[in-house]
């Protein structure tokens, strides 16, 4: 997906502030953080949204959840954190590449907006 913002970030065509990278995922600090810790976790495989996840992606999605837990621990989010996925137009998904927001480092309000 040559026009995908996150694919360009993953491919280092656009600079980012990386937090974690391996063969399957890329994580970086959000450029407009909504909490003291605000990390975007993105699979390197282009998947448009959660609506596009297939059964063959189950292992990748599970792997991402375990890595999110590890990142929360590494960033000292011992009192809790939030994991957010925006899906589709009404869900305010702004980049058409499935991703998760890890937010923490302060008491988070509900509802968020």
C-alpha atoms as a PDB file:
ATOM      1  CA  UNK A   1       0.000   0.000   0.000  1.00  0.00           C
ATOM      2  CA  UNK A   2       2.252   2.744  -1.304  1.00  0.00           C
ATOM      3  CA  UNK A   3      -0.081   5.559  -0.181  1.00  0.00           C
ATOM      4  CA  UNK A   4      -0.691   4.278   3.359  1.00  0.00           C
ATOM      5  CA  UNK A   5       0.732   6.606   6.013  1.00  0.00           C
ATOM      6  CA  UNK A   6       1.539   3.786   8.428  1.00  0.00           C
ATOM      7  CA  UNK A   7       3.138   1.667   5.705  1.00  0.00           C
ATOM      8  CA  UNK A   8       5.383   4.643   4.919  1.00  0.00           C
ATOM      9  CA  UNK A   9       6.269   4.983   8.620  1.00  0.00           C
ATOM     10  CA  UNK A  10       6.991   1.247   8.875  1.00  0.00           C
ATOM     11  CA  UNK A  11       9.219   1.493   5.764  1.00  0.00           C
ATOM     12  CA  UNK A  12      11.041   4.518   7.251  1.00  0.00           C
ATOM     13  CA  UNK A  13       9.881   6.775   4.408  1.00  0.00           C
ATOM     14  CA  UNK A  14       8.346   9.078   7.032  1.00  0.00           C
ATOM     15  CA  UNK A  15      10.170   9.690  10.326  1.00  0.00           C
ATOM     16  CA  UNK A  16       8.689   8.542  13.619  1.00  0.00           C
ATOM     17  CA  UNK A  17       9.681   8.124  17.250  1.00  0.00           C
ATOM     18  CA  UNK A  18       9.950   4.303  17.465  1.00  0.00           C
ATOM     19  CA  UNK A  19       9.214   2.451  20.688  1.00  0.00           C
ATOM     20  CA  UNK A  20       9.403  -1.167  19.507  1.00  0.00           C
ATOM     21  CA  UNK A  21       9.966  -3.093  16.295  1.00  0.00           C
ATOM     22  CA  UNK A  22      10.254  -6.718  15.292  1.00  0.00           C
ATOM     23  CA  UNK A  23       9.431  -8.771  12.183  1.00  0.00           C
ATOM     24  CA  UNK A  24       5.667  -8.481  12.724  1.00  0.00           C
ATOM     25  CA  UNK A  25       4.885  -5.126  14.326  1.00  0.00           C
ATOM     26  CA  UNK A  26       6.054  -1.535  14.628  1.00  0.00           C
ATOM     27  CA  UNK A  27       5.228   0.724  17.575  1.00  0.00           C
ATOM     28  CA  UNK A  28       5.882   4.441  17.830  1.00  0.00           C
ATOM     29  CA  UNK A  29       4.911   7.435  19.920  1.00  0.00           C
ATOM     30  CA  UNK A  30       1.839   9.312  18.696  1.00  0.00           C
ATOM     31  CA  UNK A  31       2.664  12.776  17.313  1.00  0.00           C
ATOM     32  CA  UNK A  32      -0.422  14.189  19.081  1.00  0.00           C
ATOM     33  CA  UNK A  33      -0.402  12.367  22.430  1.00  0.00           C
ATOM     34  CA  UNK A  34      -3.630  12.242  24.423  1.00  0.00           C
ATOM     35  CA  UNK A  35      -1.899  10.945  27.563  1.00  0.00           C
ATOM     36  CA  UNK A  36       1.656  10.909  28.964  1.00  0.00           C
ATOM     37  CA  UNK A  37       2.097   7.522  27.267  1.00  0.00           C
ATOM     38  CA  UNK A  38       0.441   7.298  23.844  1.00  0.00           C
ATOM     39  CA  UNK A  39       1.910   4.621  21.610  1.00  0.00           C
ATOM     40  CA  UNK A  40       0.550   3.412  18.263  1.00  0.00           C
ATOM     41  CA  UNK A  41       1.005  -0.298  17.623  1.00  0.00           C
ATOM     42  CA  UNK A  42       0.773  -1.294  13.948  1.00  0.00           C
ATOM     43  CA  UNK A  43       1.179  -4.643  12.206  1.00  0.00           C
ATOM     44  CA  UNK A  44       3.730  -4.579   9.405  1.00  0.00           C
ATOM     45  CA  UNK A  45       1.228  -6.481   7.280  1.00  0.00           C
ATOM     46  CA  UNK A  46      -1.190  -3.996   5.768  1.00  0.00           C
ATOM     47  CA  UNK A  47      -4.712  -4.696   7.032  1.00  0.00           C
ATOM     48  CA  UNK A  48      -7.173  -1.867   6.445  1.00  0.00           C
ATOM     49  CA  UNK A  49      -9.201  -2.140   9.665  1.00  0.00           C
ATOM     50  CA  UNK A  50     -10.513  -4.655  12.173  1.00  0.00           C
ATOM     51  CA  UNK A  51     -13.287  -5.289   9.657  1.00  0.00           C
ATOM     52  CA  UNK A  52     -10.605  -6.605   7.284  1.00  0.00           C
ATOM     53  CA  UNK A  53      -8.980  -9.012   9.755  1.00  0.00           C
ATOM     54  CA  UNK A  54      -9.224 -12.615   8.543  1.00  0.00           C
ATOM     55  CA  UNK A  55      -8.927 -15.916  10.375  1.00  0.00           C
ATOM     56  CA  UNK A  56      -5.381 -16.196   9.075  1.00  0.00           C
ATOM     57  CA  UNK A  57      -4.561 -12.994  11.027  1.00  0.00           C
ATOM     58  CA  UNK A  58      -5.619 -14.421  14.402  1.00  0.00           C
ATOM     59  CA  UNK A  59      -2.079 -15.270  15.488  1.00  0.00           C
ATOM     60  CA  UNK A  60      -0.829 -11.806  14.509  1.00  0.00           C
ATOM     61  CA  UNK A  61      -3.659 -10.073  16.413  1.00  0.00           C
ATOM     62  CA  UNK A  62      -3.002 -12.182  19.514  1.00  0.00           C
ATOM     63  CA  UNK A  63       0.713 -11.450  19.249  1.00  0.00           C
ATOM     64  CA  UNK A  64      -0.031  -7.721  19.095  1.00  0.00           C
ATOM     65  CA  UNK A  65      -2.116  -7.911  22.290  1.00  0.00           C
ATOM     66  CA  UNK A  66       0.725  -9.644  24.138  1.00  0.00           C
ATOM     67  CA  UNK A  67       3.214  -7.017  22.926  1.00  0.00           C
ATOM     68  CA  UNK A  68       0.864  -4.215  24.016  1.00  0.00           C
ATOM     69  CA  UNK A  69       0.824  -5.746  27.503  1.00  0.00           C
ATOM     70  CA  UNK A  70       4.643  -5.882  27.461  1.00  0.00           C
ATOM     71  CA  UNK A  71       4.883  -2.233  26.320  1.00  0.00           C
ATOM     72  CA  UNK A  72       2.506  -1.142  29.081  1.00  0.00           C
ATOM     73  CA  UNK A  73       4.706  -2.870  31.640  1.00  0.00           C
ATOM     74  CA  UNK A  74       7.903  -1.436  30.133  1.00  0.00           C
ATOM     75  CA  UNK A  75       6.449   2.087  30.295  1.00  0.00           C
ATOM     76  CA  UNK A  76       5.460   1.735  33.943  1.00  0.00           C
ATOM     77  CA  UNK A  77       1.696   1.658  33.460  1.00  0.00           C
ATOM     78  CA  UNK A  78       1.192  -0.297  36.698  1.00  0.00           C
ATOM     79  CA  UNK A  79      -2.055   1.470  37.659  1.00  0.00           C
ATOM     80  CA  UNK A  80      -3.747   0.647  34.376  1.00  0.00           C
ATOM     81  CA  UNK A  81      -3.984   1.737  30.781  1.00  0.00           C
ATOM     82  CA  UNK A  82      -6.362   1.855  27.845  1.00  0.00           C
ATOM     83  CA  UNK A  83      -6.102   0.134  24.459  1.00  0.00           C
ATOM     84  CA  UNK A  84      -8.172   1.767  21.712  1.00  0.00           C
ATOM     85  CA  UNK A  85      -8.969   0.758  18.155  1.00  0.00           C
ATOM     86  CA  UNK A  86     -10.962   3.051  15.899  1.00  0.00           C
ATOM     87  CA  UNK A  87     -12.766   1.163  13.144  1.00  0.00           C
ATOM     88  CA  UNK A  88     -14.492   2.759  10.194  1.00  0.00           C
ATOM     89  CA  UNK A  89     -15.917   6.201   9.579  1.00  0.00           C
ATOM     90  CA  UNK A  90     -18.237   6.338  12.607  1.00  0.00           C
ATOM     91  CA  UNK A  91     -15.424   4.962  14.770  1.00  0.00           C
ATOM     92  CA  UNK A  92     -13.249   7.892  13.601  1.00  0.00           C
ATOM     93  CA  UNK A  93     -10.582   5.712  12.011  1.00  0.00           C
ATOM     94  CA  UNK A  94      -8.283   8.273  10.371  1.00  0.00           C
ATOM     95  CA  UNK A  95      -5.640   5.938   8.875  1.00  0.00           C
ATOM     96  CA  UNK A  96      -6.804   2.906   6.909  1.00  0.00           C
ATOM     97  CA  UNK A  97      -4.295   0.496   8.487  1.00  0.00           C
ATOM     98  CA  UNK A  98      -5.414  -1.400  11.571  1.00  0.00           C
ATOM     99  CA  UNK A  99      -3.685  -0.051  14.680  1.00  0.00           C
ATOM    100  CA  UNK A 100      -4.059   0.148  18.410  1.00  0.00           C
ATOM    101  CA  UNK A 101      -3.486   3.106  20.717  1.00  0.00           C
ATOM    102  CA  UNK A 102      -1.875   2.351  24.080  1.00  0.00           C
ATOM    103  CA  UNK A 103      -2.724   5.198  26.452  1.00  0.00           C
ATOM    104  CA  UNK A 104      -1.715   5.633  30.081  1.00  0.00           C
ATOM    105  CA  UNK A 105       0.296   7.496  32.638  1.00  0.00           C
ATOM    106  CA  UNK A 106      -2.673   9.361  34.149  1.00  0.00           C
ATOM    107  CA  UNK A 107      -6.265   8.721  35.226  1.00  0.00           C
ATOM    108  CA  UNK A 108      -8.217   8.346  31.988  1.00  0.00           C
ATOM    109  CA  UNK A 109     -11.748   9.729  31.793  1.00  0.00           C
ATOM    110  CA  UNK A 110     -14.817   7.901  30.486  1.00  0.00           C
ATOM    111  CA  UNK A 111     -16.433   8.389  28.120  1.00  0.00           C
ATOM    112  CA  UNK A 112     -13.439   9.641  26.142  1.00  0.00           C
ATOM    113  CA  UNK A 113     -15.477  11.805  23.775  1.00  0.00           C
END
